[in-house]
Amino acid sequence: MLPAHLRSLAKAGSEVMLEIDGPVTQRSVLDALEEQYPMLRGTIRDQVTGKRRAFVRFFACAEDLSHESPDSALPEPVATGAEPFLVIGAIAGG
């Protein structure tokens, strides 16, 4: 699932389905997302370092996975498509 501003940029719905070959990790999901929607390259993670942007968070199965290794396997319900991998735009300010 994508935040509204990225949905607009990609001209996609709130939920996109991706085919992942191999292990389902943050990296493989984001690689597939950027391949299917090239206009998102550099919006979720830095194009050079591959690191998550500061105001973007990742959630799956009610857990914040933002600080997990991008190569760690995502929970089985996400891998099977039963649960979504959420990309959330964090809100800052006071």
C-alpha atoms as a PDB file:
ATOM      1  CA  MET A   1       0.000   0.000   0.000  1.00  0.00           C
ATOM      2  CA  LEU A   2       1.255   3.466  -0.929  1.00  0.00           C
ATOM      3  CA  PRO A   3       0.699   6.904   0.619  1.00  0.00           C
ATOM      4  CA  ALA A   4      -1.503   9.326  -1.356  1.00  0.00           C
ATOM      5  CA  HIS A   5       1.308  11.472  -2.778  1.00  0.00           C
ATOM      6  CA  LEU A   6       3.125   8.411  -4.167  1.00  0.00           C
ATOM      7  CA  ARG A   7      -0.145   7.008  -5.570  1.00  0.00           C
ATOM      8  CA  SER A   8      -0.617  10.280  -7.442  1.00  0.00           C
ATOM      9  CA  LEU A   9       2.937  10.230  -8.775  1.00  0.00           C
ATOM     10  CA  ALA A  10       2.655   6.596  -9.905  1.00  0.00           C
ATOM     11  CA  LYS A  11      -0.936   6.995 -11.127  1.00  0.00           C
ATOM     12  CA  ALA A  12      -1.754   3.871  -9.140  1.00  0.00           C
ATOM     13  CA  GLY A  13      -4.371   2.826  -6.622  1.00  0.00           C
ATOM     14  CA  SER A  14      -3.690   2.667  -2.916  1.00  0.00           C
ATOM     15  CA  GLU A  15      -2.781  -1.003  -3.232  1.00  0.00           C
ATOM     16  CA  VAL A  16      -0.466  -2.425  -5.874  1.00  0.00           C
ATOM     17  CA  MET A  17       0.227  -6.101  -6.461  1.00  0.00           C
ATOM     18  CA  LEU A  18       3.804  -7.152  -7.196  1.00  0.00           C
ATOM     19  CA  GLU A  19       5.383 -10.383  -8.386  1.00  0.00           C
ATOM     20  CA  ILE A  20       8.552 -11.156  -6.419  1.00  0.00           C
ATOM     21  CA  ASP A  21      11.072 -13.737  -7.586  1.00  0.00           C
ATOM     22  CA  GLY A  22      13.089 -15.201  -4.744  1.00  0.00           C
ATOM     23  CA  PRO A  23      12.980 -14.182  -1.084  1.00  0.00           C
ATOM     24  CA  VAL A  24      10.407 -11.548  -0.138  1.00  0.00           C
ATOM     25  CA  THR A  25      12.352  -8.777   1.599  1.00  0.00           C
ATOM     26  CA  GLN A  26      12.008  -5.008   1.845  1.00  0.00           C
ATOM     27  CA  ARG A  27      14.667  -4.730  -0.855  1.00  0.00           C
ATOM     28  CA  SER A  28      12.973  -7.172  -3.251  1.00  0.00           C
ATOM     29  CA  VAL A  29       9.571  -5.510  -2.749  1.00  0.00           C
ATOM     30  CA  LEU A  30      10.975  -2.016  -3.344  1.00  0.00           C
ATOM     31  CA  ASP A  31      13.003  -3.229  -6.347  1.00  0.00           C
ATOM     32  CA  ALA A  32       9.833  -4.710  -7.881  1.00  0.00           C
ATOM     33  CA  LEU A  33       7.840  -1.560  -7.054  1.00  0.00           C
ATOM     34  CA  GLU A  34      10.432   0.708  -8.691  1.00  0.00           C
ATOM     35  CA  GLU A  35      10.632  -1.581 -11.722  1.00  0.00           C
ATOM     36  CA  GLN A  36       6.853  -1.486 -12.195  1.00  0.00           C
ATOM     37  CA  TYR A  37       6.608   2.245 -11.341  1.00  0.00           C
ATOM     38  CA  PRO A  38       9.947   3.841 -12.365  1.00  0.00           C
ATOM     39  CA  MET A  39       8.671   7.309 -11.442  1.00  0.00           C
ATOM     40  CA  LEU A  40       8.936   6.226  -7.776  1.00  0.00           C
ATOM     41  CA  ARG A  41      12.720   5.721  -7.939  1.00  0.00           C
ATOM     42  CA  GLY A  42      14.331   7.969  -5.378  1.00  0.00           C
ATOM     43  CA  THR A  43      11.084   8.769  -3.560  1.00  0.00           C
ATOM     44  CA  ILE A  44      11.040   5.916  -1.031  1.00  0.00           C
ATOM     45  CA  ARG A  45      14.768   5.288  -0.776  1.00  0.00           C
ATOM     46  CA  ASP A  46      17.888   7.117  -1.880  1.00  0.00           C
ATOM     47  CA  GLN A  47      18.904   6.069  -5.404  1.00  0.00           C
ATOM     48  CA  VAL A  48      22.607   5.989  -4.575  1.00  0.00           C
ATOM     49  CA  THR A  49      22.714   4.471  -1.080  1.00  0.00           C
ATOM     50  CA  GLY A  50      19.450   2.506  -1.196  1.00  0.00           C
ATOM     51  CA  LYS A  51      18.611   3.732   2.312  1.00  0.00           C
ATOM     52  CA  ARG A  52      15.031   4.501   3.326  1.00  0.00           C
ATOM     53  CA  ARG A  53      14.112   8.192   3.156  1.00  0.00           C
ATOM     54  CA  ALA A  54      13.827   9.854   6.568  1.00  0.00           C
ATOM     55  CA  PHE A  55      10.065  10.440   6.509  1.00  0.00           C
ATOM     56  CA  VAL A  56       9.077   7.063   5.096  1.00  0.00           C
ATOM     57  CA  ARG A  57       8.151   4.108   7.303  1.00  0.00           C
ATOM     58  CA  PHE A  58       7.477   0.449   6.517  1.00  0.00           C
ATOM     59  CA  PHE A  59       4.874  -1.648   8.335  1.00  0.00           C
ATOM     60  CA  ALA A  60       3.687  -5.237   8.010  1.00  0.00           C
ATOM     61  CA  CYS A  61       1.527  -7.368  10.303  1.00  0.00           C
ATOM     62  CA  ALA A  62       1.119  -4.444  12.757  1.00  0.00           C
ATOM     63  CA  GLU A  63       4.908  -4.119  13.179  1.00  0.00           C
ATOM     64  CA  ASP A  64       7.178  -1.192  12.314  1.00  0.00           C
ATOM     65  CA  LEU A  65       9.867  -2.678  10.068  1.00  0.00           C
ATOM     66  CA  SER A  66      11.477   0.657   9.222  1.00  0.00           C
ATOM     67  CA  HIS A  67      14.735  -0.082  11.028  1.00  0.00           C
ATOM     68  CA  GLU A  68      15.009  -3.742  10.029  1.00  0.00           C
ATOM     69  CA  SER A  69      17.635  -4.842   7.521  1.00  0.00           C
ATOM     70  CA  PRO A  70      16.364  -4.399   3.954  1.00  0.00           C
ATOM     71  CA  ASP A  71      17.444  -7.997   3.316  1.00  0.00           C
ATOM     72  CA  SER A  72      15.517  -9.566   6.221  1.00  0.00           C
ATOM     73  CA  ALA A  73      12.644 -11.790   5.156  1.00  0.00           C
ATOM     74  CA  LEU A  74       9.233 -10.167   5.498  1.00  0.00           C
ATOM     75  CA  PRO A  75       6.589 -12.003   7.552  1.00  0.00           C
ATOM     76  CA  GLU A  76       5.024 -15.027   5.844  1.00  0.00           C
ATOM     77  CA  PRO A  77       1.548 -13.404   5.540  1.00  0.00           C
ATOM     78  CA  VAL A  78       3.149 -10.608   3.486  1.00  0.00           C
ATOM     79  CA  ALA A  79       5.084 -13.076   1.331  1.00  0.00           C
ATOM     80  CA  THR A  80       1.897 -14.997   0.531  1.00  0.00           C
ATOM     81  CA  GLY A  81      -0.136 -11.860  -0.140  1.00  0.00           C
ATOM     82  CA  ALA A  82      -2.482 -12.353   2.828  1.00  0.00           C
ATOM     83  CA  GLU A  83      -1.258  -9.135   4.492  1.00  0.00           C
ATOM     84  CA  PRO A  84       0.011  -5.908   2.882  1.00  0.00           C
ATOM     85  CA  PHE A  85       3.448  -4.346   3.108  1.00  0.00           C
ATOM     86  CA  LEU A  86       2.689  -0.725   3.970  1.00  0.00           C
ATOM     87  CA  VAL A  87       4.755   2.256   2.874  1.00  0.00           C
ATOM     88  CA  ILE A  88       3.715   5.155   5.093  1.00  0.00           C
ATOM     89  CA  GLY A  89       4.694   8.804   4.837  1.00  0.00           C
ATOM     90  CA  ALA A  90       5.595   9.902   8.371  1.00  0.00           C
ATOM     91  CA  ILE A  91       4.224  13.192   9.660  1.00  0.00           C
ATOM     92  CA  ALA A  92       6.491  15.587  11.531  1.00  0.00           C
ATOM     93  CA  GLY A  93       5.849  18.837  13.264  1.00  0.00           C
ATOM     94  CA  GLY A  94       4.209  20.147  16.323  1.00  0.00           C
END
